[in-house]
Amino acid sequence: MDWLLIAVGIYLLIGVVLLVWSIKTSEWGVLFLHIPLTLFILLGWPLMFRSIVNEAFENYMRWELKRKIEKENKR
């Protein structure tokens, strides 16, 4: 049972860190002080990371495809 409380604590701590980071670094950070957006960051941060990873992977695949096309055109 203790490990569950520790896991929930770490999960919420990461959410709080991301909330503070988004408030401090963004011009629109004040919007995150609204309750629904705050809850989204505190509880939904894994979804944000998943979105960022998917976008980075898509950009990498586009770059790789572009590189292969340029390589074939040089031949």
PDB file of N, CA and C in Angstrom:
ATOM      1  N   MET A   1       0.822  -1.198   0.000  1.00  0.00           N
ATOM      2  CA  MET A   1       0.000   0.000   0.000  1.00  0.00           C
ATOM      3  C   MET A   1       0.870   1.268   0.000  1.00  0.00           C
ATOM      4  N   ASP A   2       2.022   1.174   0.664  1.00  0.00           N
ATOM      5  CA  ASP A   2       2.903   2.338   0.716  1.00  0.00           C
ATOM      6  C   ASP A   2       3.418   2.718  -0.664  1.00  0.00           C
ATOM      7  N   TRP A   3       3.720   1.722  -1.489  1.00  0.00           N
ATOM      8  CA  TRP A   3       4.236   2.015  -2.822  1.00  0.00           C
ATOM      9  C   TRP A   3       3.197   2.739  -3.659  1.00  0.00           C
ATOM     10  N   LEU A   4       1.911   2.452  -3.414  1.00  0.00           N
ATOM     11  CA  LEU A   4       0.846   3.128  -4.153  1.00  0.00           C
ATOM     12  C   LEU A   4       0.788   4.609  -3.779  1.00  0.00           C
ATOM     13  N   LEU A   5       0.909   4.904  -2.505  1.00  0.00           N
ATOM     14  CA  LEU A   5       0.914   6.302  -2.064  1.00  0.00           C
ATOM     15  C   LEU A   5       2.138   7.040  -2.596  1.00  0.00           C
ATOM     16  N   ILE A   6       3.265   6.368  -2.611  1.00  0.00           N
ATOM     17  CA  ILE A   6       4.480   6.983  -3.151  1.00  0.00           C
ATOM     18  C   ILE A   6       4.315   7.251  -4.642  1.00  0.00           C
ATOM     19  N   ALA A   7       3.746   6.295  -5.370  1.00  0.00           N
ATOM     20  CA  ALA A   7       3.540   6.473  -6.814  1.00  0.00           C
ATOM     21  C   ALA A   7       2.585   7.624  -7.093  1.00  0.00           C
ATOM     22  N   VAL A   8       1.495   7.713  -6.339  1.00  0.00           N
ATOM     23  CA  VAL A   8       0.541   8.813  -6.526  1.00  0.00           C
ATOM     24  C   VAL A   8       1.204  10.137  -6.180  1.00  0.00           C
ATOM     25  N   GLY A   9       2.004  10.154  -5.131  1.00  0.00           N
ATOM     26  CA  GLY A   9       2.717  11.368  -4.753  1.00  0.00           C
ATOM     27  C   GLY A   9       3.683  11.831  -5.830  1.00  0.00           C
ATOM     28  N   ILE A  10       4.425  10.902  -6.397  1.00  0.00           N
ATOM     29  CA  ILE A  10       5.361  11.245  -7.478  1.00  0.00           C
ATOM     30  C   ILE A  10       4.606  11.733  -8.701  1.00  0.00           C
ATOM     31  N   TYR A  11       3.502  11.063  -9.024  1.00  0.00           N
ATOM     32  CA  TYR A  11       2.672  11.449 -10.171  1.00  0.00           C
ATOM     33  C   TYR A  11       2.180  12.887 -10.014  1.00  0.00           C
ATOM     34  N   LEU A  12       1.660  13.217  -8.820  1.00  0.00           N
ATOM     35  CA  LEU A  12       1.165  14.573  -8.581  1.00  0.00           C
ATOM     36  C   LEU A  12       2.309  15.580  -8.508  1.00  0.00           C
ATOM     37  N   LEU A  13       3.447  15.182  -7.990  1.00  0.00           N
ATOM     38  CA  LEU A  13       4.605  16.077  -7.935  1.00  0.00           C
ATOM     39  C   LEU A  13       5.060  16.458  -9.336  1.00  0.00           C
ATOM     40  N   ILE A  14       5.096  15.495 -10.242  1.00  0.00           N
ATOM     41  CA  ILE A  14       5.451  15.801 -11.628  1.00  0.00           C
ATOM     42  C   ILE A  14       4.439  16.771 -12.221  1.00  0.00           C
ATOM     43  N   GLY A  15       3.156  16.564 -11.936  1.00  0.00           N
ATOM     44  CA  GLY A  15       2.123  17.479 -12.420  1.00  0.00           C
ATOM     45  C   GLY A  15       2.304  18.883 -11.879  1.00  0.00           C
ATOM     46  N   VAL A  16       2.634  19.006 -10.607  1.00  0.00           N
ATOM     47  CA  VAL A  16       2.843  20.330 -10.001  1.00  0.00           C
ATOM     48  C   VAL A  16       4.059  21.009 -10.622  1.00  0.00           C
ATOM     49  N   VAL A  17       5.126  20.260 -10.836  1.00  0.00           N
ATOM     50  CA  VAL A  17       6.328  20.827 -11.465  1.00  0.00           C
ATOM     51  C   VAL A  17       5.995  21.332 -12.866  1.00  0.00           C
ATOM     52  N   LEU A  18       5.250  20.544 -13.638  1.00  0.00           N
ATOM     53  CA  LEU A  18       4.867  20.987 -14.981  1.00  0.00           C
ATOM     54  C   LEU A  18       3.952  22.202 -14.933  1.00  0.00           C
ATOM     55  N   LEU A  19       3.074  22.267 -13.940  1.00  0.00           N
ATOM     56  CA  LEU A  19       2.185  23.421 -13.791  1.00  0.00           C
ATOM     57  C   LEU A  19       2.991  24.683 -13.506  1.00  0.00           C
ATOM     58  N   VAL A  20       3.912  24.607 -12.567  1.00  0.00           N
ATOM     59  CA  VAL A  20       4.744  25.770 -12.234  1.00  0.00           C
ATOM     60  C   VAL A  20       5.592  26.167 -13.437  1.00  0.00           C
ATOM     61  N   TRP A  21       6.160  25.179 -14.141  1.00  0.00           N
ATOM     62  CA  TRP A  21       6.970  25.468 -15.325  1.00  0.00           C
ATOM     63  C   TRP A  21       6.138  26.171 -16.392  1.00  0.00           C
ATOM     64  N   SER A  22       4.912  25.703 -16.629  1.00  0.00           N
ATOM     65  CA  SER A  22       4.093  26.314 -17.676  1.00  0.00           C
ATOM     66  C   SER A  22       3.655  27.722 -17.289  1.00  0.00           C
ATOM     67  N   ILE A  23       3.441  27.970 -16.014  1.00  0.00           N
ATOM     68  CA  ILE A  23       3.061  29.318 -15.574  1.00  0.00           C
ATOM     69  C   ILE A  23       4.250  30.269 -15.707  1.00  0.00           C
ATOM     70  N   LYS A  24       5.429  29.812 -15.356  1.00  0.00           N
ATOM     71  CA  LYS A  24       6.615  30.675 -15.373  1.00  0.00           C
ATOM     72  C   LYS A  24       7.156  30.934 -16.774  1.00  0.00           C
ATOM     73  N   THR A  25       7.034  29.999 -17.689  1.00  0.00           N
ATOM     74  CA  THR A  25       7.707  30.134 -18.977  1.00  0.00           C
ATOM     75  C   THR A  25       6.813  30.596 -20.114  1.00  0.00           C
ATOM     76  N   SER A  26       5.517  30.584 -19.940  1.00  0.00           N
ATOM     77  CA  SER A  26       4.617  30.895 -21.044  1.00  0.00           C
ATOM     78  C   SER A  26       3.962  32.252 -20.842  1.00  0.00           C
ATOM     79  N   GLU A  27       3.792  32.978 -21.950  1.00  0.00           N
ATOM     80  CA  GLU A  27       3.052  34.237 -21.882  1.00  0.00           C
ATOM     81  C   GLU A  27       1.604  33.975 -21.488  1.00  0.00           C
ATOM     82  N   TRP A  28       1.108  32.807 -21.862  1.00  0.00           N
ATOM     83  CA  TRP A  28      -0.274  32.428 -21.571  1.00  0.00           C
ATOM     84  C   TRP A  28      -0.354  31.583 -20.297  1.00  0.00           C
ATOM     85  N   GLY A  29       0.706  31.540 -19.530  1.00  0.00           N
ATOM     86  CA  GLY A  29       0.760  30.688 -18.350  1.00  0.00           C
ATOM     87  C   GLY A  29      -0.295  30.983 -17.310  1.00  0.00           C
ATOM     88  N   VAL A  30      -0.756  32.228 -17.262  1.00  0.00           N
ATOM     89  CA  VAL A  30      -1.782  32.599 -16.289  1.00  0.00           C
ATOM     90  C   VAL A  30      -3.076  31.830 -16.540  1.00  0.00           C
ATOM     91  N   LEU A  31      -3.312  31.442 -17.789  1.00  0.00           N
ATOM     92  CA  LEU A  31      -4.520  30.665 -18.084  1.00  0.00           C
ATOM     93  C   LEU A  31      -4.526  29.341 -17.336  1.00  0.00           C
ATOM     94  N   PHE A  32      -3.342  28.827 -17.016  1.00  0.00           N
ATOM     95  CA  PHE A  32      -3.273  27.545 -16.330  1.00  0.00           C
ATOM     96  C   PHE A  32      -3.672  27.648 -14.864  1.00  0.00           C
ATOM     97  N   LEU A  33      -3.934  28.849 -14.387  1.00  0.00           N
ATOM     98  CA  LEU A  33      -4.421  28.998 -13.021  1.00  0.00           C
ATOM     99  C   LEU A  33      -5.911  28.702 -12.930  1.00  0.00           C
ATOM    100  N   HIS A  34      -6.589  28.611 -14.065  1.00  0.00           N
ATOM    101  CA  HIS A  34      -8.001  28.236 -14.052  1.00  0.00           C
ATOM    102  C   HIS A  34      -8.107  26.756 -13.701  1.00  0.00           C
ATOM    103  N   ILE A  35      -9.097  26.428 -12.910  1.00  0.00           N
ATOM    104  CA  ILE A  35      -9.227  25.079 -12.352  1.00  0.00           C
ATOM    105  C   ILE A  35      -9.218  23.962 -13.402  1.00  0.00           C
ATOM    106  N   PRO A  36     -10.025  24.042 -14.489  1.00  0.00           N
ATOM    107  CA  PRO A  36     -10.003  22.908 -15.441  1.00  0.00           C
ATOM    108  C   PRO A  36      -8.630  22.688 -16.080  1.00  0.00           C
ATOM    109  N   LEU A  37      -7.950  23.774 -16.431  1.00  0.00           N
ATOM    110  CA  LEU A  37      -6.627  23.623 -17.037  1.00  0.00           C
ATOM    111  C   LEU A  37      -5.601  23.120 -16.021  1.00  0.00           C
ATOM    112  N   THR A  38      -5.735  23.572 -14.790  1.00  0.00           N
ATOM    113  CA  THR A  38      -4.841  23.096 -13.741  1.00  0.00           C
ATOM    114  C   THR A  38      -5.018  21.599 -13.521  1.00  0.00           C
ATOM    115  N   LEU A  39      -6.264  21.160 -13.457  1.00  0.00           N
ATOM    116  CA  LEU A  39      -6.523  19.730 -13.271  1.00  0.00           C
ATOM    117  C   LEU A  39      -6.010  18.920 -14.453  1.00  0.00           C
ATOM    118  N   PHE A  40      -6.149  19.486 -15.655  1.00  0.00           N
ATOM    119  CA  PHE A  40      -5.642  18.775 -16.831  1.00  0.00           C
ATOM    120  C   PHE A  40      -4.142  18.567 -16.741  1.00  0.00           C
ATOM    121  N   ILE A  41      -3.421  19.597 -16.319  1.00  0.00           N
ATOM    122  CA  ILE A  41      -1.968  19.462 -16.213  1.00  0.00           C
ATOM    123  C   ILE A  41      -1.597  18.515 -15.076  1.00  0.00           C
ATOM    124  N   LEU A  42      -2.258  18.661 -13.927  1.00  0.00           N
ATOM    125  CA  LEU A  42      -1.908  17.815 -12.787  1.00  0.00           C
ATOM    126  C   LEU A  42      -2.197  16.343 -13.039  1.00  0.00           C
ATOM    127  N   LEU A  43      -3.312  16.053 -13.709  1.00  0.00           N
ATOM    128  CA  LEU A  43      -3.723  14.662 -13.881  1.00  0.00           C
ATOM    129  C   LEU A  43      -3.466  14.122 -15.279  1.00  0.00           C
ATOM    130  N   GLY A  44      -3.375  14.999 -16.277  1.00  0.00           N
ATOM    131  CA  GLY A  44      -3.270  14.537 -17.653  1.00  0.00           C
ATOM    132  C   GLY A  44      -1.917  14.719 -18.292  1.00  0.00           C
ATOM    133  N   TRP A  45      -0.880  14.950 -17.501  1.00  0.00           N
ATOM    134  CA  TRP A  45       0.433  15.204 -18.097  1.00  0.00           C
ATOM    135  C   TRP A  45       0.972  14.037 -18.905  1.00  0.00           C
ATOM    136  N   PRO A  46       0.638  12.779 -18.624  1.00  0.00           N
ATOM    137  CA  PRO A  46       1.148  11.720 -19.518  1.00  0.00           C
ATOM    138  C   PRO A  46       0.609  11.853 -20.942  1.00  0.00           C
ATOM    139  N   LEU A  47      -0.612  12.361 -21.077  1.00  0.00           N
ATOM    140  CA  LEU A  47      -1.169  12.566 -22.415  1.00  0.00           C
ATOM    141  C   LEU A  47      -0.391  13.634 -23.169  1.00  0.00           C
ATOM    142  N   MET A  48       0.058  14.672 -22.458  1.00  0.00           N
ATOM    143  CA  MET A  48       0.843  15.719 -23.105  1.00  0.00           C
ATOM    144  C   MET A  48       2.170  15.156 -23.600  1.00  0.00           C
ATOM    145  N   PHE A  49       2.829  14.338 -22.779  1.00  0.00           N
ATOM    146  CA  PHE A  49       4.093  13.742 -23.201  1.00  0.00           C
ATOM    147  C   PHE A  49       3.895  12.799 -24.374  1.00  0.00           C
ATOM    148  N   ARG A  50       2.809  12.063 -24.367  1.00  0.00           N
ATOM    149  CA  ARG A  50       2.528  11.152 -25.485  1.00  0.00           C
ATOM    150  C   ARG A  50       2.366  11.949 -26.772  1.00  0.00           C
ATOM    151  N   SER A  51       1.665  13.079 -26.688  1.00  0.00           N
ATOM    152  CA  SER A  51       1.463  13.928 -27.856  1.00  0.00           C
ATOM    153  C   SER A  51       2.801  14.478 -28.358  1.00  0.00           C
ATOM    154  N   ILE A  52       3.648  14.907 -27.454  1.00  0.00           N
ATOM    155  CA  ILE A  52       4.949  15.453 -27.834  1.00  0.00           C
ATOM    156  C   ILE A  52       5.810  14.372 -28.486  1.00  0.00           C
ATOM    157  N   VAL A  53       5.796  13.173 -27.933  1.00  0.00           N
ATOM    158  CA  VAL A  53       6.583  12.072 -28.500  1.00  0.00           C
ATOM    159  C   VAL A  53       6.069  11.712 -29.887  1.00  0.00           C
ATOM    160  N   ASN A  54       4.747  11.658 -30.057  1.00  0.00           N
ATOM    161  CA  ASN A  54       4.182  11.348 -31.374  1.00  0.00           C
ATOM    162  C   ASN A  54       4.572  12.402 -32.403  1.00  0.00           C
ATOM    163  N   GLU A  55       4.512  13.663 -32.015  1.00  0.00           N
ATOM    164  CA  GLU A  55       4.872  14.740 -32.935  1.00  0.00           C
ATOM    165  C   GLU A  55       6.355  14.673 -33.303  1.00  0.00           C
ATOM    166  N   ALA A  56       7.191  14.406 -32.326  1.00  0.00           N
ATOM    167  CA  ALA A  56       8.626  14.293 -32.602  1.00  0.00           C
ATOM    168  C   ALA A  56       8.904  13.114 -33.526  1.00  0.00           C
ATOM    169  N   PHE A  57       8.221  11.997 -33.318  1.00  0.00           N
ATOM    170  CA  PHE A  57       8.415  10.825 -34.171  1.00  0.00           C
ATOM    171  C   PHE A  57       7.977  11.121 -35.603  1.00  0.00           C
ATOM    172  N   GLU A  58       6.840  11.804 -35.755  1.00  0.00           N
ATOM    173  CA  GLU A  58       6.370  12.152 -37.101  1.00  0.00           C
ATOM    174  C   GLU A  58       7.353  13.086 -37.796  1.00  0.00           C
ATOM    175  N   ASN A  59       7.878  14.065 -37.072  1.00  0.00           N
ATOM    176  CA  ASN A  59       8.866  14.972 -37.658  1.00  0.00           C
ATOM    177  C   ASN A  59      10.129  14.226 -38.054  1.00  0.00           C
ATOM    178  N   TYR A  60      10.552  13.281 -37.243  1.00  0.00           N
ATOM    179  CA  TYR A  60      11.733  12.482 -37.573  1.00  0.00           C
ATOM    180  C   TYR A  60      11.489  11.657 -38.828  1.00  0.00           C
ATOM    181  N   MET A  61      10.318  11.049 -38.932  1.00  0.00           N
ATOM    182  CA  MET A  61      10.013  10.225 -40.104  1.00  0.00           C
ATOM    183  C   MET A  61       9.966  11.085 -41.372  1.00  0.00           C
ATOM    184  N   ARG A  62       9.391  12.290 -41.273  1.00  0.00           N
ATOM    185  CA  ARG A  62       9.380  13.202 -42.427  1.00  0.00           C
ATOM    186  C   ARG A  62      10.801  13.587 -42.813  1.00  0.00           C
ATOM    187  N   TRP A  63      11.639  13.874 -41.828  1.00  0.00           N
ATOM    188  CA  TRP A  63      13.026  14.239 -42.094  1.00  0.00           C
ATOM    189  C   TRP A  63      13.761  13.077 -42.751  1.00  0.00           C
ATOM    190  N   GLU A  64      13.547  11.874 -42.239  1.00  0.00           N
ATOM    191  CA  GLU A  64      14.206  10.690 -42.795  1.00  0.00           C
ATOM    192  C   GLU A  64      13.763  10.452 -44.236  1.00  0.00           C
ATOM    193  N   LEU A  65      12.467  10.596 -44.506  1.00  0.00           N
ATOM    194  CA  LEU A  65      11.951  10.421 -45.862  1.00  0.00           C
ATOM    195  C   LEU A  65      12.532  11.477 -46.800  1.00  0.00           C
ATOM    196  N   LYS A  66      12.583  12.717 -46.335  1.00  0.00           N
ATOM    197  CA  LYS A  66      13.143  13.804 -47.141  1.00  0.00           C
ATOM    198  C   LYS A  66      14.619  13.538 -47.440  1.00  0.00           C
ATOM    199  N   ARG A  67      15.344  13.029 -46.463  1.00  0.00           N
ATOM    200  CA  ARG A  67      16.758  12.725 -46.646  1.00  0.00           C
ATOM    201  C   ARG A  67      16.956  11.613 -47.673  1.00  0.00           C
ATOM    202  N   LYS A  68      16.108  10.583 -47.627  1.00  0.00           N
ATOM    203  CA  LYS A  68      16.209   9.488 -48.594  1.00  0.00           C
ATOM    204  C   LYS A  68      15.896   9.968 -50.003  1.00  0.00           C
ATOM    205  N   ILE A  69      14.883  10.824 -50.126  1.00  0.00           N
ATOM    206  CA  ILE A  69      14.518  11.351 -51.446  1.00  0.00           C
ATOM    207  C   ILE A  69      15.661  12.186 -52.010  1.00  0.00           C
ATOM    208  N   GLU A  70      16.262  13.043 -51.185  1.00  0.00           N
ATOM    209  CA  GLU A  70      17.386  13.859 -51.643  1.00  0.00           C
ATOM    210  C   GLU A  70      18.577  12.984 -52.031  1.00  0.00           C
ATOM    211  N   LYS A  71      18.791  11.916 -51.299  1.00  0.00           N
ATOM    212  CA  LYS A  71      19.892  11.007 -51.603  1.00  0.00           C
ATOM    213  C   LYS A  71      19.667  10.318 -52.948  1.00  0.00           C
ATOM    214  N   GLU A  72      18.429   9.912 -53.221  1.00  0.00           N
ATOM    215  CA  GLU A  72      18.108   9.266 -54.494  1.00  0.00           C
ATOM    216  C   GLU A  72      18.195  10.249 -55.656  1.00  0.00           C
ATOM    217  N   ASN A  73      17.838  11.496 -55.422  1.00  0.00           N
ATOM    218  CA  ASN A  73      17.901  12.504 -56.479  1.00  0.00           C
ATOM    219  C   ASN A  73      19.342  12.844 -56.853  1.00  0.00           C
ATOM    220  N   LYS A  74      20.263  12.683 -55.937  1.00  0.00           N
ATOM    221  CA  LYS A  74      21.667  12.972 -56.220  1.00  0.00           C
ATOM    222  C   LYS A  74      22.286  11.911 -57.115  1.00  0.00           C
ATOM    223  N   ARG A  75      21.719  10.729 -57.141  1.00  0.00           N
ATOM    224  CA  ARG A  75      22.274   9.632 -57.954  1.00  0.00           C
ATOM    225  C   ARG A  75      21.964   9.792 -59.385  1.00  0.00           C
TER     226      ARG A  75
END
